Amino acid sequence: MVLLLKEEDVRALLPMDRAVELVERAFRLEGEGAAFNATRTRLRYPHGLLNYMAGAVEPDRAVGLKAYDVSRHGARFVALLFDSESGSLAGIVEADWLGRIRTGAASGVATRFLARADARVAGVFGSGSQAQTQIEALLAVRPIELVKIYTRNPNHRTAFAESLNGRLNCEVRAVQSAEEALKGSDIITTITTAAEPLFNGRMLEPGTHVNAAGSNRPTSREIDVATVARSAVVAVDSPGQAKIESGDLIPAVELGQFDWNRATPLSDIVSGNAPGRTDAKQITLFESLGVGIEDVAVATWVVAQARKQGRGLEVDFGAARD
């Protein structure tokens, strides 16, 4: 029997602290050679864009993919999860919230390994659908006291900050400029659809960690060449995918300010195969594109918990065919 889960099931079953643990484990297993990613594929058609990405987490006997279609009517997300030994379909999961929380969790993992341990203040660029989970992930791994929100639209940043104040265990404050968001911040997170850099990287203070989580195509860009060039560590969730999709890193390579050999897989840092931050004054950068093992890791957990709690709808898809 295949378990069909809706958005409300995922929201009920997957808290952020658990998601961070699951994504961290997935990256550790990848660094140990026990988890595998396939680069995202984008299929363009006259009325939209179909995106799909796959991954496998061997110890969990889990393999699957997430697909999402984007058109003028919006975006729809679904994850398919298979048992890697039997080949049986284990779950079909509505995956909008799943994608938001695992993207936040990836930033949380990078922050855990790259941000200073004493980080207390965060600046966040963006107020869209994924910004909240980015903030929740920071709170899961560091004792954040203040989050400063900046977007180019003052109404958006004010409304977003007001919506979070009182709901999170920290102060959330809208600020008036990119410079104010940067000043005094230990962590900077970008989660936007920007096509041009959001701030001048020369203004980053020593010791800052940057999570660049919004750009996953060459035509989108959140950070400038100065940010990349100043970063002592540049971690990526997938080096191969970064060469194709990273609108943040590709310009730095083209200008001779960055070399792909410096793109360190986050999986190597998490598994101890590569160093992360080695000095409190270093600027560090995580370039988050989104990879399949993140989806498979959290979907596996959600399906298992749903079965334990009797959630979801069981559907008979029949036996496998030769």
C-alpha atoms as a PDB file:
ATOM      1  CA  MET A   1       0.000   0.000   0.000  1.00  0.00           C
ATOM      2  CA  VAL A   2       1.225   3.454  -0.940  1.00  0.00           C
ATOM      3  CA  LEU A   3       0.738   6.275   1.561  1.00  0.00           C
ATOM      4  CA  LEU A   4      -0.605   9.529   0.161  1.00  0.00           C
ATOM      5  CA  LEU A   5       0.185  12.571   2.339  1.00  0.00           C
ATOM      6  CA  LYS A   6      -1.102  16.130   2.027  1.00  0.00           C
ATOM      7  CA  GLU A   7       0.447  19.436   3.024  1.00  0.00           C
ATOM      8  CA  GLU A   8      -1.256  19.409   6.408  1.00  0.00           C
ATOM      9  CA  ASP A   9       0.333  16.024   7.198  1.00  0.00           C
ATOM     10  CA  VAL A  10       3.832  17.311   6.429  1.00  0.00           C
ATOM     11  CA  ARG A  11       3.298  20.433   8.546  1.00  0.00           C
ATOM     12  CA  ALA A  12       2.101  18.321  11.469  1.00  0.00           C
ATOM     13  CA  LEU A  13       4.878  15.748  11.291  1.00  0.00           C
ATOM     14  CA  LEU A  14       8.065  17.649  10.402  1.00  0.00           C
ATOM     15  CA  PRO A  15       9.356  20.203  12.936  1.00  0.00           C
ATOM     16  CA  MET A  16      12.385  22.253  11.964  1.00  0.00           C
ATOM     17  CA  ASP A  17      14.773  20.800  14.535  1.00  0.00           C
ATOM     18  CA  ARG A  18      14.049  17.318  13.198  1.00  0.00           C
ATOM     19  CA  ALA A  19      14.440  18.503   9.597  1.00  0.00           C
ATOM     20  CA  VAL A  20      17.880  19.946  10.392  1.00  0.00           C
ATOM     21  CA  GLU A  21      18.941  16.621  11.925  1.00  0.00           C
ATOM     22  CA  LEU A  22      17.681  14.680   8.905  1.00  0.00           C
ATOM     23  CA  VAL A  23      19.335  16.928   6.335  1.00  0.00           C
ATOM     24  CA  GLU A  24      22.604  16.962   8.289  1.00  0.00           C
ATOM     25  CA  ARG A  25      22.567  13.153   8.384  1.00  0.00           C
ATOM     26  CA  ALA A  26      21.870  13.015   4.639  1.00  0.00           C
ATOM     27  CA  PHE A  27      24.879  15.215   3.891  1.00  0.00           C
ATOM     28  CA  ARG A  28      27.049  13.186   6.246  1.00  0.00           C
ATOM     29  CA  LEU A  29      26.007   9.984   4.494  1.00  0.00           C
ATOM     30  CA  GLU A  30      26.756  11.556   1.116  1.00  0.00           C
ATOM     31  CA  GLY A  31      30.243  12.434   2.336  1.00  0.00           C
ATOM     32  CA  GLU A  32      30.648   8.806   3.409  1.00  0.00           C
ATOM     33  CA  GLY A  33      29.502   7.501   0.023  1.00  0.00           C
ATOM     34  CA  ALA A  34      26.110   6.245   1.216  1.00  0.00           C
ATOM     35  CA  ALA A  35      23.799   8.889  -0.272  1.00  0.00           C
ATOM     36  CA  PHE A  36      23.578  10.027  -3.883  1.00  0.00           C
ATOM     37  CA  ASN A  37      22.240  13.016  -5.818  1.00  0.00           C
ATOM     38  CA  ALA A  38      21.126  13.544  -9.392  1.00  0.00           C
ATOM     39  CA  THR A  39      21.424  17.069 -10.777  1.00  0.00           C
ATOM     40  CA  ARG A  40      18.134  18.911 -11.236  1.00  0.00           C
ATOM     41  CA  THR A  41      16.600  18.756 -14.707  1.00  0.00           C
ATOM     42  CA  ARG A  42      14.356  21.490 -16.085  1.00  0.00           C
ATOM     43  CA  LEU A  43      11.945  20.708 -18.907  1.00  0.00           C
ATOM     44  CA  ARG A  44      10.555  23.767 -20.668  1.00  0.00           C
ATOM     45  CA  TYR A  45       7.288  23.550 -22.562  1.00  0.00           C
ATOM     46  CA  PRO A  46       5.064  26.215 -24.117  1.00  0.00           C
ATOM     47  CA  HIS A  47       3.082  26.999 -20.982  1.00  0.00           C
ATOM     48  CA  GLY A  48       5.535  26.400 -18.175  1.00  0.00           C
ATOM     49  CA  LEU A  49       8.498  24.605 -16.677  1.00  0.00           C
ATOM     50  CA  LEU A  50       8.739  21.126 -15.137  1.00  0.00           C
ATOM     51  CA  ASN A  51      11.598  20.643 -12.656  1.00  0.00           C
ATOM     52  CA  TYR A  52      12.681  17.337 -11.162  1.00  0.00           C
ATOM     53  CA  MET A  53      15.509  16.163  -8.920  1.00  0.00           C
ATOM     54  CA  ALA A  54      16.357  12.773  -7.449  1.00  0.00           C
ATOM     55  CA  GLY A  55      18.337  11.282  -4.607  1.00  0.00           C
ATOM     56  CA  ALA A  56      18.996   8.082  -2.709  1.00  0.00           C
ATOM     57  CA  VAL A  57      19.801   7.486   0.964  1.00  0.00           C
ATOM     58  CA  GLU A  58      21.133   3.942   1.083  1.00  0.00           C
ATOM     59  CA  PRO A  59      20.907   3.141   4.831  1.00  0.00           C
ATOM     60  CA  ASP A  60      17.193   4.057   4.767  1.00  0.00           C
ATOM     61  CA  ARG A  61      16.498   1.950   1.647  1.00  0.00           C
ATOM     62  CA  ALA A  62      15.092   5.189   0.277  1.00  0.00           C
ATOM     63  CA  VAL A  63      15.238   6.517  -3.251  1.00  0.00           C
ATOM     64  CA  GLY A  64      12.971   9.064  -4.821  1.00  0.00           C
ATOM     65  CA  LEU A  65      12.421  12.340  -6.539  1.00  0.00           C
ATOM     66  CA  LYS A  66      10.685  15.658  -6.165  1.00  0.00           C
ATOM     67  CA  ALA A  67       8.979  17.217  -9.163  1.00  0.00           C
ATOM     68  CA  TYR A  68       7.390  20.627  -9.427  1.00  0.00           C
ATOM     69  CA  ASP A  69       5.659  22.364 -12.278  1.00  0.00           C
ATOM     70  CA  VAL A  70       5.714  26.150 -12.590  1.00  0.00           C
ATOM     71  CA  SER A  71       3.240  27.974 -14.819  1.00  0.00           C
ATOM     72  CA  ARG A  72       1.247  31.202 -14.836  1.00  0.00           C
ATOM     73  CA  HIS A  73      -1.153  29.462 -12.460  1.00  0.00           C
ATOM     74  CA  GLY A  74       1.543  28.973  -9.829  1.00  0.00           C
ATOM     75  CA  ALA A  75       3.663  26.022  -8.714  1.00  0.00           C
ATOM     76  CA  ARG A  76       2.729  22.475  -7.675  1.00  0.00           C
ATOM     77  CA  PHE A  77       5.107  20.160  -5.806  1.00  0.00           C
ATOM     78  CA  VAL A  78       5.086  16.386  -5.258  1.00  0.00           C
ATOM     79  CA  ALA A  79       7.633  13.881  -3.933  1.00  0.00           C
ATOM     80  CA  LEU A  80       7.670  10.190  -4.845  1.00  0.00           C
ATOM     81  CA  LEU A  81       9.427   7.834  -2.444  1.00  0.00           C
ATOM     82  CA  PHE A  82      10.461   4.254  -3.266  1.00  0.00           C
ATOM     83  CA  ASP A  83      11.917   1.380  -1.244  1.00  0.00           C
ATOM     84  CA  SER A  84      15.320   0.922  -2.901  1.00  0.00           C
ATOM     85  CA  GLU A  85      15.491  -2.831  -2.172  1.00  0.00           C
ATOM     86  CA  SER A  86      11.990  -3.950  -3.127  1.00  0.00           C
ATOM     87  CA  GLY A  87      11.390  -1.234  -5.698  1.00  0.00           C
ATOM     88  CA  SER A  88       7.927  -0.634  -4.278  1.00  0.00           C
ATOM     89  CA  LEU A  89       6.409   2.836  -4.179  1.00  0.00           C
ATOM     90  CA  ALA A  90       6.252   3.815  -0.511  1.00  0.00           C
ATOM     91  CA  GLY A  91       4.800   7.300  -0.511  1.00  0.00           C
ATOM     92  CA  ILE A  92       3.403  10.173  -2.527  1.00  0.00           C
ATOM     93  CA  VAL A  93       3.887  13.407  -0.625  1.00  0.00           C
ATOM     94  CA  GLU A  94       2.542  16.856  -1.428  1.00  0.00           C
ATOM     95  CA  ALA A  95       5.797  18.761  -1.188  1.00  0.00           C
ATOM     96  CA  ASP A  96       5.445  22.548  -1.030  1.00  0.00           C
ATOM     97  CA  TRP A  97       6.013  22.785   2.731  1.00  0.00           C
ATOM     98  CA  LEU A  98       8.434  19.861   2.582  1.00  0.00           C
ATOM     99  CA  GLY A  99      10.546  21.863   0.118  1.00  0.00           C
ATOM    100  CA  ARG A 100      10.408  25.030   2.203  1.00  0.00           C
ATOM    101  CA  ILE A 101      11.441  23.301   5.399  1.00  0.00           C
ATOM    102  CA  ARG A 102      14.251  21.238   3.877  1.00  0.00           C
ATOM    103  CA  THR A 103      15.658  24.361   2.172  1.00  0.00           C
ATOM    104  CA  GLY A 104      15.669  26.115   5.528  1.00  0.00           C
ATOM    105  CA  ALA A 105      17.170  23.027   7.156  1.00  0.00           C
ATOM    106  CA  ALA A 106      20.057  22.987   4.656  1.00  0.00           C
ATOM    107  CA  SER A 107      20.903  26.564   5.658  1.00  0.00           C
ATOM    108  CA  GLY A 108      20.627  25.463   9.270  1.00  0.00           C
ATOM    109  CA  VAL A 109      23.162  22.683   8.688  1.00  0.00           C
ATOM    110  CA  ALA A 110      25.566  25.062   6.946  1.00  0.00           C
ATOM    111  CA  THR A 111      25.129  27.578   9.762  1.00  0.00           C
ATOM    112  CA  ARG A 112      25.869  24.911  12.361  1.00  0.00           C
ATOM    113  CA  PHE A 113      29.176  24.053  10.680  1.00  0.00           C
ATOM    114  CA  LEU A 114      30.259  27.459   9.352  1.00  0.00           C
ATOM    115  CA  ALA A 115      28.858  30.259  11.514  1.00  0.00           C
ATOM    116  CA  ARG A 116      30.640  31.370  14.657  1.00  0.00           C
ATOM    117  CA  ALA A 117      29.405  29.640  17.796  1.00  0.00           C
ATOM    118  CA  ASP A 118      28.651  33.012  19.406  1.00  0.00           C
ATOM    119  CA  ALA A 119      26.427  34.227  16.549  1.00  0.00           C
ATOM    120  CA  ARG A 120      23.483  36.164  17.997  1.00  0.00           C
ATOM    121  CA  VAL A 121      22.303  38.554  15.256  1.00  0.00           C
ATOM    122  CA  ALA A 122      21.044  37.669  11.783  1.00  0.00           C
ATOM    123  CA  GLY A 123      20.184  39.801   8.777  1.00  0.00           C
ATOM    124  CA  VAL A 124      17.659  38.301   6.373  1.00  0.00           C
ATOM    125  CA  PHE A 125      17.033  39.567   2.851  1.00  0.00           C
ATOM    126  CA  GLY A 126      13.588  38.451   1.730  1.00  0.00           C
ATOM    127  CA  SER A 127      10.044  38.134   3.036  1.00  0.00           C
ATOM    128  CA  GLY A 128       8.548  35.561   0.682  1.00  0.00           C
ATOM    129  CA  SER A 129       7.207  32.062   1.179  1.00  0.00           C
ATOM    130  CA  GLN A 130      10.567  30.545   2.204  1.00  0.00           C
ATOM    131  CA  ALA A 131      11.895  33.288   4.467  1.00  0.00           C
ATOM    132  CA  GLN A 132      10.183  32.041   7.634  1.00  0.00           C
ATOM    133  CA  THR A 133      11.710  28.564   7.467  1.00  0.00           C
ATOM    134  CA  GLN A 134      15.153  30.087   6.896  1.00  0.00           C
ATOM    135  CA  ILE A 135      14.769  32.001  10.155  1.00  0.00           C
ATOM    136  CA  GLU A 136      13.411  28.971  12.008  1.00  0.00           C
ATOM    137  CA  ALA A 137      16.465  26.995  10.905  1.00  0.00           C
ATOM    138  CA  LEU A 138      18.844  29.644  12.256  1.00  0.00           C
ATOM    139  CA  LEU A 139      17.045  29.524  15.594  1.00  0.00           C
ATOM    140  CA  ALA A 140      17.402  25.729  15.644  1.00  0.00           C
ATOM    141  CA  VAL A 141      21.214  25.882  15.533  1.00  0.00           C
ATOM    142  CA  ARG A 142      22.253  29.202  17.096  1.00  0.00           C
ATOM    143  CA  PRO A 143      20.961  31.286  20.049  1.00  0.00           C
ATOM    144  CA  ILE A 144      19.738  34.100  17.821  1.00  0.00           C
ATOM    145  CA  GLU A 145      18.457  37.138  19.724  1.00  0.00           C
ATOM    146  CA  LEU A 146      17.696  39.524  16.849  1.00  0.00           C
ATOM    147  CA  VAL A 147      16.675  39.009  13.223  1.00  0.00           C
ATOM    148  CA  LYS A 148      16.722  42.058  10.959  1.00  0.00           C
ATOM    149  CA  ILE A 149      14.496  41.892   7.886  1.00  0.00           C
ATOM    150  CA  TYR A 150      15.220  43.850   4.745  1.00  0.00           C
ATOM    151  CA  THR A 151      13.360  43.846   1.430  1.00  0.00           C
ATOM    152  CA  ARG A 152      13.178  46.575  -1.167  1.00  0.00           C
ATOM    153  CA  ASN A 153       9.448  46.943  -0.525  1.00  0.00           C
ATOM    154  CA  PRO A 154       9.002  48.614   2.901  1.00  0.00           C
ATOM    155  CA  ASN A 155       5.445  47.334   3.315  1.00  0.00           C
ATOM    156  CA  HIS A 156       6.544  43.750   2.765  1.00  0.00           C
ATOM    157  CA  ARG A 157       9.392  43.853   5.255  1.00  0.00           C
ATOM    158  CA  THR A 158       7.290  45.549   7.911  1.00  0.00           C
ATOM    159  CA  ALA A 159       4.363  43.167   7.535  1.00  0.00           C
ATOM    160  CA  PHE A 160       6.662  40.136   7.567  1.00  0.00           C
ATOM    161  CA  ALA A 161       8.492  41.252  10.703  1.00  0.00           C
ATOM    162  CA  GLU A 162       5.202  41.978  12.472  1.00  0.00           C
ATOM    163  CA  SER A 163       3.849  38.547  11.511  1.00  0.00           C
ATOM    164  CA  LEU A 164       6.808  36.818  13.197  1.00  0.00           C
ATOM    165  CA  ASN A 165       7.221  38.928  16.328  1.00  0.00           C
ATOM    166  CA  GLY A 166       5.785  37.064  19.270  1.00  0.00           C
ATOM    167  CA  ARG A 167       5.811  33.763  17.391  1.00  0.00           C
ATOM    168  CA  LEU A 168       9.551  33.163  17.474  1.00  0.00           C
ATOM    169  CA  ASN A 169      11.927  33.121  20.409  1.00  0.00           C
ATOM    170  CA  CYS A 170      13.754  36.258  19.295  1.00  0.00           C
ATOM    171  CA  GLU A 171      13.137  39.838  18.251  1.00  0.00           C
ATOM    172  CA  VAL A 172      12.300  40.351  14.569  1.00  0.00           C
ATOM    173  CA  ARG A 173      12.799  43.873  13.264  1.00  0.00           C
ATOM    174  CA  ALA A 174      12.288  45.465   9.848  1.00  0.00           C
ATOM    175  CA  VAL A 175      15.219  47.692   8.852  1.00  0.00           C
ATOM    176  CA  GLN A 176      15.427  50.510   6.350  1.00  0.00           C
ATOM    177  CA  SER A 177      18.453  49.567   4.250  1.00  0.00           C
ATOM    178  CA  ALA A 178      20.725  46.745   3.161  1.00  0.00           C
ATOM    179  CA  GLU A 179      23.542  48.442   5.069  1.00  0.00           C
ATOM    180  CA  GLU A 180      21.521  48.285   8.297  1.00  0.00           C
ATOM    181  CA  ALA A 181      20.822  44.599   7.718  1.00  0.00           C
ATOM    182  CA  LEU A 182      24.541  43.921   7.316  1.00  0.00           C
ATOM    183  CA  LYS A 183      25.845  46.034  10.175  1.00  0.00           C
ATOM    184  CA  GLY A 184      26.485  43.996  13.308  1.00  0.00           C
ATOM    185  CA  SER A 185      25.035  40.806  11.823  1.00  0.00           C
ATOM    186  CA  ASP A 186      26.841  37.529  12.481  1.00  0.00           C
ATOM    187  CA  ILE A 187      24.800  35.673   9.859  1.00  0.00           C
ATOM    188  CA  ILE A 188      23.320  36.929   6.591  1.00  0.00           C
ATOM    189  CA  THR A 189      20.660  34.922   4.779  1.00  0.00           C
ATOM    190  CA  THR A 190      19.366  35.764   1.312  1.00  0.00           C
ATOM    191  CA  ILE A 191      16.144  34.123   0.127  1.00  0.00           C
ATOM    192  CA  THR A 192      14.801  36.161  -2.780  1.00  0.00           C
ATOM    193  CA  THR A 193      14.165  36.021  -6.515  1.00  0.00           C
ATOM    194  CA  ALA A 194      16.605  38.853  -7.222  1.00  0.00           C
ATOM    195  CA  ALA A 195      18.378  39.159 -10.559  1.00  0.00           C
ATOM    196  CA  GLU A 196      21.040  41.552  -9.211  1.00  0.00           C
ATOM    197  CA  PRO A 197      23.138  41.461  -6.003  1.00  0.00           C
ATOM    198  CA  LEU A 198      21.295  42.564  -2.883  1.00  0.00           C
ATOM    199  CA  PHE A 199      24.251  44.215  -1.146  1.00  0.00           C
ATOM    200  CA  ASN A 200      27.871  45.250  -1.550  1.00  0.00           C
ATOM    201  CA  GLY A 201      30.048  42.394  -0.340  1.00  0.00           C
ATOM    202  CA  ARG A 202      32.794  44.785   0.694  1.00  0.00           C
ATOM    203  CA  MET A 203      30.514  45.818   3.562  1.00  0.00           C
ATOM    204  CA  LEU A 204      30.389  42.336   5.113  1.00  0.00           C
ATOM    205  CA  GLU A 205      32.001  42.393   8.529  1.00  0.00           C
ATOM    206  CA  PRO A 206      34.791  39.927   9.402  1.00  0.00           C
ATOM    207  CA  GLY A 207      33.423  36.706  10.853  1.00  0.00           C
ATOM    208  CA  THR A 208      30.111  36.826   8.981  1.00  0.00           C
ATOM    209  CA  HIS A 209      28.537  33.656   7.634  1.00  0.00           C
ATOM    210  CA  VAL A 210      26.338  33.995   4.526  1.00  0.00           C
ATOM    211  CA  ASN A 211      23.582  31.608   3.463  1.00  0.00           C
ATOM    212  CA  ALA A 212      22.722  32.393  -0.164  1.00  0.00           C
ATOM    213  CA  ALA A 213      19.578  30.347  -0.640  1.00  0.00           C
ATOM    214  CA  GLY A 214      17.502  32.056  -3.315  1.00  0.00           C
ATOM    215  CA  SER A 215      19.465  31.790  -6.556  1.00  0.00           C
ATOM    216  CA  ASN A 216      19.299  28.441  -8.341  1.00  0.00           C
ATOM    217  CA  ARG A 217      19.541  29.505 -11.968  1.00  0.00           C
ATOM    218  CA  PRO A 218      22.151  31.495 -13.929  1.00  0.00           C
ATOM    219  CA  THR A 219      19.753  34.403 -14.450  1.00  0.00           C
ATOM    220  CA  SER A 220      19.124  34.947 -10.726  1.00  0.00           C
ATOM    221  CA  ARG A 221      21.708  36.511  -8.448  1.00  0.00           C
ATOM    222  CA  GLU A 222      21.711  37.582  -4.800  1.00  0.00           C
ATOM    223  CA  ILE A 223      25.372  38.112  -3.915  1.00  0.00           C
ATOM    224  CA  ASP A 224      28.173  39.903  -5.728  1.00  0.00           C
ATOM    225  CA  VAL A 225      31.668  38.899  -6.766  1.00  0.00           C
ATOM    226  CA  ALA A 226      33.159  40.681  -3.747  1.00  0.00           C
ATOM    227  CA  THR A 227      31.217  38.419  -1.376  1.00  0.00           C
ATOM    228  CA  VAL A 228      32.476  35.312  -3.161  1.00  0.00           C
ATOM    229  CA  ALA A 229      36.067  36.566  -3.375  1.00  0.00           C
ATOM    230  CA  ARG A 230      36.166  37.505   0.326  1.00  0.00           C
ATOM    231  CA  SER A 231      34.840  34.121   1.492  1.00  0.00           C
ATOM    232  CA  ALA A 232      37.490  31.858   2.983  1.00  0.00           C
ATOM    233  CA  VAL A 233      35.123  28.899   2.672  1.00  0.00           C
ATOM    234  CA  VAL A 234      32.579  28.516  -0.134  1.00  0.00           C
ATOM    235  CA  ALA A 235      30.373  25.510   0.551  1.00  0.00           C
ATOM    236  CA  VAL A 236      27.882  24.179  -1.994  1.00  0.00           C
ATOM    237  CA  ASP A 237      25.264  21.475  -1.724  1.00  0.00           C
ATOM    238  CA  SER A 238      26.256  20.169  -5.174  1.00  0.00           C
ATOM    239  CA  PRO A 239      29.375  21.251  -7.093  1.00  0.00           C
ATOM    240  CA  GLY A 240      28.024  19.843 -10.355  1.00  0.00           C
ATOM    241  CA  GLN A 241      24.717  21.621  -9.964  1.00  0.00           C
ATOM    242  CA  ALA A 242      26.463  24.863  -8.975  1.00  0.00           C
ATOM    243  CA  LYS A 243      28.363  24.938 -12.281  1.00  0.00           C
ATOM    244  CA  ILE A 244      25.031  24.845 -14.117  1.00  0.00           C
ATOM    245  CA  GLU A 245      22.717  26.861 -11.861  1.00  0.00           C
ATOM    246  CA  SER A 246      24.589  29.193  -9.532  1.00  0.00           C
ATOM    247  CA  GLY A 247      23.970  32.742 -10.676  1.00  0.00           C
ATOM    248  CA  ASP A 248      26.011  33.797  -7.639  1.00  0.00           C
ATOM    249  CA  LEU A 249      29.181  31.831  -8.382  1.00  0.00           C
ATOM    250  CA  ILE A 250      29.295  31.690 -12.196  1.00  0.00           C
ATOM    251  CA  PRO A 251      30.033  35.452 -12.593  1.00  0.00           C
ATOM    252  CA  ALA A 252      32.885  35.209 -10.074  1.00  0.00           C
ATOM    253  CA  VAL A 253      34.399  32.347 -12.066  1.00  0.00           C
ATOM    254  CA  GLU A 254      34.053  34.257 -15.334  1.00  0.00           C
ATOM    255  CA  LEU A 255      35.830  37.268 -13.812  1.00  0.00           C
ATOM    256  CA  GLY A 256      38.655  35.132 -12.432  1.00  0.00           C
ATOM    257  CA  GLN A 257      37.698  35.831  -8.799  1.00  0.00           C
ATOM    258  CA  PHE A 258      36.730  32.247  -7.984  1.00  0.00           C
ATOM    259  CA  ASP A 259      37.741  28.777  -9.100  1.00  0.00           C
ATOM    260  CA  TRP A 260      35.426  25.772  -9.037  1.00  0.00           C
ATOM    261  CA  ASN A 261      38.136  23.839  -7.187  1.00  0.00           C
ATOM    262  CA  ARG A 262      37.334  26.081  -4.200  1.00  0.00           C
ATOM    263  CA  ALA A 263      33.679  24.973  -4.141  1.00  0.00           C
ATOM    264  CA  THR A 264      33.625  22.608  -1.163  1.00  0.00           C
ATOM    265  CA  PRO A 265      30.754  20.115  -0.972  1.00  0.00           C
ATOM    266  CA  LEU A 266      28.791  20.681   2.229  1.00  0.00           C
ATOM    267  CA  SER A 267      28.768  16.902   2.564  1.00  0.00           C
ATOM    268  CA  ASP A 268      32.578  16.909   2.896  1.00  0.00           C
ATOM    269  CA  ILE A 269      32.448  19.512   5.665  1.00  0.00           C
ATOM    270  CA  VAL A 270      29.695  17.692   7.560  1.00  0.00           C
ATOM    271  CA  SER A 271      31.428  14.316   7.253  1.00  0.00           C
ATOM    272  CA  GLY A 272      34.802  15.728   8.326  1.00  0.00           C
ATOM    273  CA  ASN A 273      36.497  15.239   4.965  1.00  0.00           C
ATOM    274  CA  ALA A 274      37.088  18.985   4.553  1.00  0.00           C
ATOM    275  CA  PRO A 275      37.516  21.843   7.040  1.00  0.00           C
ATOM    276  CA  GLY A 276      34.851  24.440   7.623  1.00  0.00           C
ATOM    277  CA  ARG A 277      35.531  27.695   9.453  1.00  0.00           C
ATOM    278  CA  THR A 278      39.042  27.716  10.935  1.00  0.00           C
ATOM    279  CA  ASP A 279      39.166  31.308  12.199  1.00  0.00           C
ATOM    280  CA  ALA A 280      36.631  33.564  13.912  1.00  0.00           C
ATOM    281  CA  LYS A 281      37.368  36.414  11.489  1.00  0.00           C
ATOM    282  CA  GLN A 282      36.757  34.429   8.310  1.00  0.00           C
ATOM    283  CA  ILE A 283      33.805  35.181   6.057  1.00  0.00           C
ATOM    284  CA  THR A 284      32.107  31.945   5.039  1.00  0.00           C
ATOM    285  CA  LEU A 285      29.514  31.286   2.358  1.00  0.00           C
ATOM    286  CA  PHE A 286      26.985  28.530   1.723  1.00  0.00           C
ATOM    287  CA  GLU A 287      25.553  28.466  -1.776  1.00  0.00           C
ATOM    288  CA  SER A 288      22.280  26.545  -1.486  1.00  0.00           C
ATOM    289  CA  LEU A 289      20.718  25.273  -4.701  1.00  0.00           C
ATOM    290  CA  GLY A 290      18.539  22.447  -3.383  1.00  0.00           C
ATOM    291  CA  VAL A 291      19.342  18.771  -3.946  1.00  0.00           C
ATOM    292  CA  GLY A 292      17.406  15.513  -4.049  1.00  0.00           C
ATOM    293  CA  ILE A 293      18.799  13.857  -0.932  1.00  0.00           C
ATOM    294  CA  GLU A 294      17.296  16.650   1.153  1.00  0.00           C
ATOM    295  CA  ASP A 295      13.823  15.810  -0.165  1.00  0.00           C
ATOM    296  CA  VAL A 296      14.315  12.060   0.147  1.00  0.00           C
ATOM    297  CA  ALA A 297      15.638  12.346   3.706  1.00  0.00           C
ATOM    298  CA  VAL A 298      12.734  14.387   5.035  1.00  0.00           C
ATOM    299  CA  ALA A 299      10.080  12.561   2.974  1.00  0.00           C
ATOM    300  CA  THR A 300      11.293   9.221   4.357  1.00  0.00           C
ATOM    301  CA  TRP A 301      10.869  10.528   7.900  1.00  0.00           C
ATOM    302  CA  VAL A 302       7.426  11.979   7.197  1.00  0.00           C
ATOM    303  CA  VAL A 303       6.118   8.762   5.623  1.00  0.00           C
ATOM    304  CA  ALA A 304       7.460   6.646   8.504  1.00  0.00           C
ATOM    305  CA  GLN A 305       5.915   8.928  11.127  1.00  0.00           C
ATOM    306  CA  ALA A 306       2.613   9.053   9.273  1.00  0.00           C
ATOM    307  CA  ARG A 307       2.415   5.251   9.293  1.00  0.00           C
ATOM    308  CA  LYS A 308       3.099   5.181  13.033  1.00  0.00           C
ATOM    309  CA  GLN A 309       0.394   7.756  13.704  1.00  0.00           C
ATOM    310  CA  GLY A 310      -2.147   6.478  11.225  1.00  0.00           C
ATOM    311  CA  ARG A 311      -2.114   9.614   9.111  1.00  0.00           C
ATOM    312  CA  GLY A 312      -2.634   9.861   5.367  1.00  0.00           C
ATOM    313  CA  LEU A 313      -4.539   7.857   2.806  1.00  0.00           C
ATOM    314  CA  GLU A 314      -3.425   4.368   1.805  1.00  0.00           C
ATOM    315  CA  VAL A 315      -3.728   3.570  -1.895  1.00  0.00           C
ATOM    316  CA  ASP A 316      -3.250   0.197  -3.560  1.00  0.00           C
ATOM    317  CA  PHE A 317      -0.984   0.623  -6.584  1.00  0.00           C
ATOM    318  CA  GLY A 318      -0.653  -3.111  -7.175  1.00  0.00           C
ATOM    319  CA  ALA A 319       2.459  -5.257  -7.366  1.00  0.00           C
ATOM    320  CA  ALA A 320       5.576  -4.389  -9.335  1.00  0.00           C
ATOM    321  CA  ARG A 321       5.679  -5.584 -12.946  1.00  0.00           C
ATOM    322  CA  ASP A 322       8.614  -7.312 -14.657  1.00  0.00           C
END
